[in-house]
Every structure is written in structure tokens, then in C-alpha cells.
Amino acid sequence: MEGLSSLRWRGIGWPMAAAALLLVMVPQVSSIRYMVGSNMGWSPGVNYTIWAQGKHFYNGDWLFFVYDRNQMNVLEVNETDFESCNSDHPLHNWTTGAGRDVVPLNVTKTYYFISGKGYCYGGMKLAVNVENPPPPPTSSPQKSDSPSLLSTFRGQIFIPTLFAAAAIWDAFILRL
């Protein structure tokens, strides 16, 4: 059997090995999609200030607005228009007409959303302060000098096994 260094990567073996390697190396994405108003959705009678309390909105999160598309809309406005429920000059109209609108929170700022057509006066308004995500937690030092089972498995067993499986697959494909 050939060694790993002398294998010729072609056919389907190379893409599979590359995909497997990327899966091991890609960090987890931790963005959250919030359904505005939870099970009540974007509708009259919900206090959106209370709904947003205690939630941390980070750059990369999403807001999901679910509402009656024939009556309401989702407008992003400035703070002054938010306070006065003025929908005449929205910064962005997120209404797609389906009643299921997704708004990416991709800028660190305070977003102001209202529903026009008079619903803002009934409380359909939401202010969301978006922050940068906190840095990842630092790992605490291990108590013993021996490596943990997880790091041993990942570094000394999993990755070489992954490459060996890719090499075997490639050798199998080359013989076909």
C-alpha cells in the first residue's frame, strides 16, 4: 500500500478528503434567529419591549417577523420616527408580502422597527440593540499533565483516521 505522501489525489477521493478536512477545521457558527414576539408573532397586543428584555442581540443574528401580510408591515426607521410612530420615511421596508420576513442584524447599532398603518400606536414597535459577539471563552488550564481523552481522540486518532480513510477511498477509486 502506498504511503500518504505518495498518493495521487484525483477523481472523487480528493473532493471527499477536502470536504472532510473542512468539516473538522470550520468553527461553529453561533448566530441566532429570533422569532419576534415568540409564539404571538408580530401582532397587536404584544409588548415588544418586554419581549426583547433579557435577550442579547449580536452582529450576525436574525429577526424573523411573522404577521398578517394583508394588514401589517415591517419598517425600519430612525429613533425619532420610532418614538413618534412615523412611517412616512422608513430607512428600509422589510415587508416582502409573504408575512414571513427575515431581517439580518449585520451592523452593530440600535435597530428600530415599527408597523405602519396605525399599528405602531397600538404597540407594534421594537428597538433592538445589536452588539459585537463576546470573545470566545478562554480554556482553563488542565489539572494534570496528561492530555484529555477528547484532545487525544481528536488530535491523535480522528485526524489520522480521516486521512487514512480518504487514502483508502482514493486507492479504491483508482482500482476501478
Protein backbone atom coordinates (compact mmCIF):
# COMPACT_ATOMS: atom_id res chain seq x y z
CA MET A 1 0.00 0.00 0.00
CA GLU A 2 1.31 3.44 -0.85
CA GLY A 3 2.13 5.97 1.87
CA LEU A 4 0.08 9.11 2.33
CA SER A 5 2.79 11.31 0.86
CA SER A 6 2.92 9.42 -2.44
CA LEU A 7 -0.83 9.17 -3.06
CA ARG A 8 -2.20 10.73 -6.21
CA TRP A 9 -5.32 12.70 -5.28
CA ARG A 10 -7.74 12.69 -8.19
CA GLY A 11 -11.23 11.58 -9.03
CA ILE A 12 -13.69 11.58 -6.19
CA GLY A 13 -11.07 10.90 -3.48
CA TRP A 14 -9.68 14.45 -3.38
CA PRO A 15 -13.05 16.23 -3.01
CA MET A 16 -14.12 13.84 -0.25
CA ALA A 17 -10.87 14.31 1.66
CA ALA A 18 -11.04 18.08 1.27
CA ALA A 19 -14.67 18.19 2.43
CA ALA A 20 -13.91 16.01 5.45
CA LEU A 21 -10.93 18.18 6.36
CA LEU A 22 -13.01 21.36 6.08
CA LEU A 23 -15.68 19.91 8.37
CA VAL A 24 -13.03 19.28 11.01
CA MET A 25 -11.49 22.74 10.67
CA VAL A 26 -14.57 25.00 10.29
CA PRO A 27 -15.53 26.78 13.53
CA GLN A 28 -19.08 26.64 14.77
CA VAL A 29 -21.39 29.46 13.77
CA SER A 30 -23.39 30.71 16.69
CA SER A 31 -25.86 33.19 15.21
CA ILE A 32 -29.44 33.02 16.46
CA ARG A 33 -32.70 33.55 14.62
CA TYR A 34 -35.25 35.16 16.93
CA MET A 35 -38.94 34.90 16.15
CA VAL A 36 -40.16 38.38 17.07
CA GLY A 37 -42.90 38.12 19.71
CA SER A 38 -42.27 34.37 20.12
CA ASN A 39 -45.49 32.41 19.54
CA MET A 40 -47.56 35.64 19.24
CA GLY A 41 -45.52 36.90 16.27
CA TRP A 42 -45.57 40.48 15.01
CA SER A 43 -49.10 41.41 16.06
CA PRO A 44 -51.05 43.92 18.16
CA GLY A 45 -51.26 43.31 21.88
CA VAL A 46 -47.63 42.24 22.38
CA ASN A 47 -45.24 44.35 24.44
CA TYR A 48 -42.09 44.08 22.36
CA THR A 49 -40.02 45.99 24.93
CA ILE A 50 -40.71 43.22 27.43
CA TRP A 51 -40.15 40.55 24.74
CA ALA A 52 -36.66 41.96 23.98
CA GLN A 53 -35.65 42.32 27.64
CA GLY A 54 -33.01 39.86 28.73
CA LYS A 55 -32.08 38.94 25.16
CA HIS A 56 -28.65 39.75 23.78
CA PHE A 57 -28.70 40.52 20.08
CA TYR A 58 -25.35 40.10 18.36
CA ASN A 59 -23.97 41.03 14.97
CA GLY A 60 -24.87 38.05 12.74
CA ASP A 61 -28.20 37.24 14.42
CA TRP A 62 -31.54 37.39 12.59
CA LEU A 63 -35.03 38.65 13.39
CA PHE A 64 -37.92 36.64 11.97
CA PHE A 65 -41.18 38.60 11.68
CA VAL A 66 -44.38 36.55 11.26
CA TYR A 67 -47.57 38.58 10.74
CA ASP A 68 -50.79 39.03 8.79
CA ARG A 69 -49.47 40.17 5.42
CA ASN A 70 -52.77 41.82 4.48
CA GLN A 71 -52.73 44.20 7.45
CA MET A 72 -49.23 44.79 8.86
CA ASN A 73 -45.74 45.52 7.61
CA VAL A 74 -42.17 45.71 8.92
CA LEU A 75 -40.45 49.07 8.60
CA GLU A 76 -37.02 50.03 9.88
CA VAL A 77 -37.00 53.68 10.96
CA ASN A 78 -34.75 56.10 12.82
CA GLU A 79 -35.14 56.76 16.55
CA THR A 80 -37.23 59.93 16.09
CA ASP A 81 -39.73 58.19 13.79
CA PHE A 82 -39.76 55.22 16.16
CA GLU A 83 -40.76 57.43 19.09
CA SER A 84 -43.47 59.25 17.10
CA CYS A 85 -44.66 56.17 15.11
CA ASN A 86 -43.96 58.00 11.85
CA SER A 87 -43.87 55.54 8.95
CA ASP A 88 -43.58 58.15 6.19
CA HIS A 89 -39.81 57.88 5.67
CA PRO A 90 -38.59 54.36 6.54
CA LEU A 91 -34.88 53.59 6.35
CA HIS A 92 -35.81 50.17 5.00
CA ASN A 93 -39.06 48.39 4.22
CA TRP A 94 -38.51 44.74 5.12
CA THR A 95 -42.03 43.75 4.03
CA THR A 96 -41.88 41.12 1.30
CA GLY A 97 -45.62 40.50 1.08
CA ALA A 98 -45.43 36.95 2.41
CA GLY A 99 -45.89 37.84 6.08
CA ARG A 100 -42.67 35.99 6.90
CA ASP A 101 -39.77 38.42 6.79
CA VAL A 102 -36.21 37.80 7.93
CA VAL A 103 -34.04 40.76 8.90
CA PRO A 104 -30.29 40.23 9.25
CA LEU A 105 -28.72 42.08 12.15
CA ASN A 106 -25.40 42.64 10.43
CA VAL A 107 -24.42 46.07 11.79
CA THR A 108 -23.57 46.93 15.37
CA LYS A 109 -26.18 49.59 16.16
CA THR A 110 -29.69 50.05 17.54
CA TYR A 111 -32.35 48.97 15.06
CA TYR A 112 -35.83 50.50 15.27
CA PHE A 113 -38.79 48.64 13.75
CA ILE A 114 -42.43 49.68 13.54
CA SER A 115 -45.54 48.50 11.79
CA GLY A 116 -47.21 51.26 9.82
CA LYS A 117 -50.91 51.51 9.00
CA GLY A 118 -51.59 52.72 12.56
CA TYR A 119 -50.44 49.55 14.33
CA CYS A 120 -47.38 51.27 15.81
CA TYR A 121 -49.69 53.35 18.02
CA GLY A 122 -51.04 50.07 19.40
CA GLY A 123 -47.55 48.97 20.46
CA MET A 124 -46.17 47.29 17.34
CA LYS A 125 -42.69 48.72 17.66
CA LEU A 126 -39.40 47.11 18.57
CA ALA A 127 -35.98 48.56 19.39
CA VAL A 128 -33.05 46.13 19.26
CA ASN A 129 -29.52 47.00 20.35
CA VAL A 130 -27.05 44.87 18.38
CA GLU A 131 -23.59 44.30 19.83
CA ASN A 132 -20.50 42.51 18.64
CA PRO A 133 -20.38 38.93 19.91
CA PRO A 134 -18.32 38.39 23.05
CA PRO A 135 -14.90 36.80 22.56
CA PRO A 136 -14.82 33.02 22.91
CA PRO A 137 -14.12 31.81 26.42
CA THR A 138 -10.52 31.07 27.21
CA SER A 139 -9.78 27.49 28.12
CA SER A 140 -8.81 26.83 31.68
CA PRO A 141 -5.54 25.03 32.32
CA GLN A 142 -5.79 21.30 32.78
CA LYS A 143 -5.10 19.95 36.24
CA SER A 144 -2.89 17.10 35.15
CA ASP A 145 -0.03 16.81 32.69
CA SER A 146 -1.80 14.11 30.70
CA PRO A 147 -3.92 15.19 27.72
CA SER A 148 -7.68 14.83 27.94
CA LEU A 149 -9.40 11.96 26.20
CA LEU A 150 -11.14 14.37 23.79
CA SER A 151 -7.93 16.09 22.67
CA THR A 152 -6.20 12.71 22.31
CA PHE A 153 -9.09 11.38 20.25
CA ARG A 154 -9.25 14.45 18.04
CA GLY A 155 -5.54 15.08 17.51
CA GLN A 156 -4.02 11.61 17.56
CA ILE A 157 -6.82 9.35 16.40
CA PHE A 158 -9.54 11.19 14.49
CA ILE A 159 -7.49 13.26 12.03
CA PRO A 160 -5.07 10.44 11.04
CA THR A 161 -8.05 8.09 10.71
CA LEU A 162 -9.75 10.63 8.48
CA PHE A 163 -6.71 10.84 6.21
CA ALA A 164 -6.31 7.06 6.17
CA ALA A 165 -9.96 6.62 5.19
CA ALA A 166 -9.52 9.17 2.40
CA ALA A 167 -6.39 7.37 1.19
CA ILE A 168 -8.16 4.01 1.18
CA TRP A 169 -11.11 5.51 -0.66
CA ASP A 170 -8.79 7.08 -3.24
CA ALA A 171 -6.93 3.79 -3.72
CA PHE A 172 -10.27 2.01 -4.15
CA ILE A 173 -11.43 4.52 -6.77
CA LEU A 174 -8.11 4.27 -8.67
CA ARG A 175 -8.52 0.48 -8.99
CA LEU A 176 -12.00 0.76 -10.55
